[in-house]
Amino acid sequence: MNDAADLVCSAKGCREQAEWQLRWNNPKLHTEDRRKTWLACADHRAHLESFLDARSFLREVVPVGAP
């Protein structure tokens, strides 16, 4: 992954520094072990989590920089 200072939130139009990794997959498209990652700032974490969770895509949320 890039230097944490270079990572920005994945929310549309947001340019804030990312603090969280939202790891997800779409079970209809991805194998169980495949993980896609959205990045979130503190302000958008809950919104992005809700979007993924409503679709049963969210697998885990970890701080930026976590393995």
C-alpha atoms as a PDB file:
ATOM      1  CA  MET A   1       0.000   0.000   0.000  1.00  0.00           C
ATOM      2  CA  ASN A   2       1.101   3.615  -0.482  1.00  0.00           C
ATOM      3  CA  ASP A   3       2.421   5.890   2.236  1.00  0.00           C
ATOM      4  CA  ALA A   4      -0.550   6.489   4.568  1.00  0.00           C
ATOM      5  CA  ALA A   5      -0.239  10.273   4.110  1.00  0.00           C
ATOM      6  CA  ASP A   6      -0.961   9.830   0.362  1.00  0.00           C
ATOM      7  CA  LEU A   7      -4.182   7.867   0.829  1.00  0.00           C
ATOM      8  CA  VAL A   8      -7.483   9.713   0.487  1.00  0.00           C
ATOM      9  CA  CYS A   9     -11.046   8.805   1.319  1.00  0.00           C
ATOM     10  CA  SER A  10     -13.019   6.880  -1.334  1.00  0.00           C
ATOM     11  CA  ALA A  11     -16.226   8.868  -0.741  1.00  0.00           C
ATOM     12  CA  LYS A  12     -17.258  10.817  -3.820  1.00  0.00           C
ATOM     13  CA  GLY A  13     -15.673  14.274  -3.813  1.00  0.00           C
ATOM     14  CA  CYS A  14     -13.804  13.795  -0.542  1.00  0.00           C
ATOM     15  CA  ARG A  15     -10.084  14.603  -0.483  1.00  0.00           C
ATOM     16  CA  GLU A  16      -9.508  14.008   3.237  1.00  0.00           C
ATOM     17  CA  GLN A  17      -6.768  11.686   4.427  1.00  0.00           C
ATOM     18  CA  ALA A  18      -7.955   8.100   4.861  1.00  0.00           C
ATOM     19  CA  GLU A  19      -7.934   6.628   8.359  1.00  0.00           C
ATOM     20  CA  TRP A  20      -9.768   3.346   7.733  1.00  0.00           C
ATOM     21  CA  GLN A  21      -9.714   0.456   5.276  1.00  0.00           C
ATOM     22  CA  LEU A  22     -13.107  -1.072   4.523  1.00  0.00           C
ATOM     23  CA  ARG A  23     -12.372  -4.507   3.126  1.00  0.00           C
ATOM     24  CA  TRP A  24     -15.159  -6.061   1.129  1.00  0.00           C
ATOM     25  CA  ASN A  25     -16.117  -8.437  -1.631  1.00  0.00           C
ATOM     26  CA  ASN A  26     -19.145  -9.224  -3.728  1.00  0.00           C
ATOM     27  CA  PRO A  27     -19.718 -12.960  -3.317  1.00  0.00           C
ATOM     28  CA  LYS A  28     -21.465 -13.131  -6.701  1.00  0.00           C
ATOM     29  CA  LEU A  29     -18.308 -11.843  -8.421  1.00  0.00           C
ATOM     30  CA  HIS A  30     -15.345 -12.580  -6.146  1.00  0.00           C
ATOM     31  CA  THR A  31     -13.940 -15.674  -4.502  1.00  0.00           C
ATOM     32  CA  GLU A  32     -14.344 -15.846  -0.711  1.00  0.00           C
ATOM     33  CA  ASP A  33     -10.703 -14.892  -0.075  1.00  0.00           C
ATOM     34  CA  ARG A  34     -10.676 -11.902  -2.477  1.00  0.00           C
ATOM     35  CA  ARG A  35     -10.782  -8.483  -0.813  1.00  0.00           C
ATOM     36  CA  LYS A  36     -11.406  -5.119  -2.400  1.00  0.00           C
ATOM     37  CA  THR A  37     -10.585  -2.039  -0.325  1.00  0.00           C
ATOM     38  CA  TRP A  38     -12.305   1.277   0.055  1.00  0.00           C
ATOM     39  CA  LEU A  39     -10.617   3.947   2.129  1.00  0.00           C
ATOM     40  CA  ALA A  40     -12.521   6.180   4.537  1.00  0.00           C
ATOM     41  CA  CYS A  41     -11.889   9.330   6.525  1.00  0.00           C
ATOM     42  CA  ALA A  42     -13.484   9.636   9.965  1.00  0.00           C
ATOM     43  CA  ASP A  43     -16.440  11.605   8.542  1.00  0.00           C
ATOM     44  CA  HIS A  44     -17.349   9.071   5.830  1.00  0.00           C
ATOM     45  CA  ARG A  45     -16.578   5.768   7.544  1.00  0.00           C
ATOM     46  CA  ALA A  46     -20.136   5.146   8.777  1.00  0.00           C
ATOM     47  CA  HIS A  47     -21.713   6.035   5.429  1.00  0.00           C
ATOM     48  CA  LEU A  48     -19.403   3.769   3.413  1.00  0.00           C
ATOM     49  CA  GLU A  49     -19.777   0.950   5.969  1.00  0.00           C
ATOM     50  CA  SER A  50     -23.581   1.204   5.763  1.00  0.00           C
ATOM     51  CA  PHE A  51     -23.507   1.077   1.967  1.00  0.00           C
ATOM     52  CA  LEU A  52     -21.384  -2.076   1.915  1.00  0.00           C
ATOM     53  CA  ASP A  53     -23.126  -3.722   4.870  1.00  0.00           C
ATOM     54  CA  ALA A  54     -26.591  -3.221   3.350  1.00  0.00           C
ATOM     55  CA  ARG A  55     -25.417  -5.332   0.403  1.00  0.00           C
ATOM     56  CA  SER A  56     -23.684  -7.913   2.638  1.00  0.00           C
ATOM     57  CA  PHE A  57     -20.329  -7.004   1.044  1.00  0.00           C
ATOM     58  CA  LEU A  58     -18.487  -5.690   4.121  1.00  0.00           C
ATOM     59  CA  ARG A  59     -15.964  -8.162   5.543  1.00  0.00           C
ATOM     60  CA  GLU A  60     -13.828  -6.095   7.939  1.00  0.00           C
ATOM     61  CA  VAL A  61     -12.787  -2.565   8.892  1.00  0.00           C
ATOM     62  CA  VAL A  62      -9.209  -1.922   9.956  1.00  0.00           C
ATOM     63  CA  PRO A  63      -7.052   1.173  10.442  1.00  0.00           C
ATOM     64  CA  VAL A  64      -4.969   2.353   7.494  1.00  0.00           C
ATOM     65  CA  GLY A  65      -1.574   0.703   7.709  1.00  0.00           C
ATOM     66  CA  ALA A  66      -2.887  -2.521   9.240  1.00  0.00           C
ATOM     67  CA  PRO A  67      -1.786  -5.669   7.422  1.00  0.00           C
END
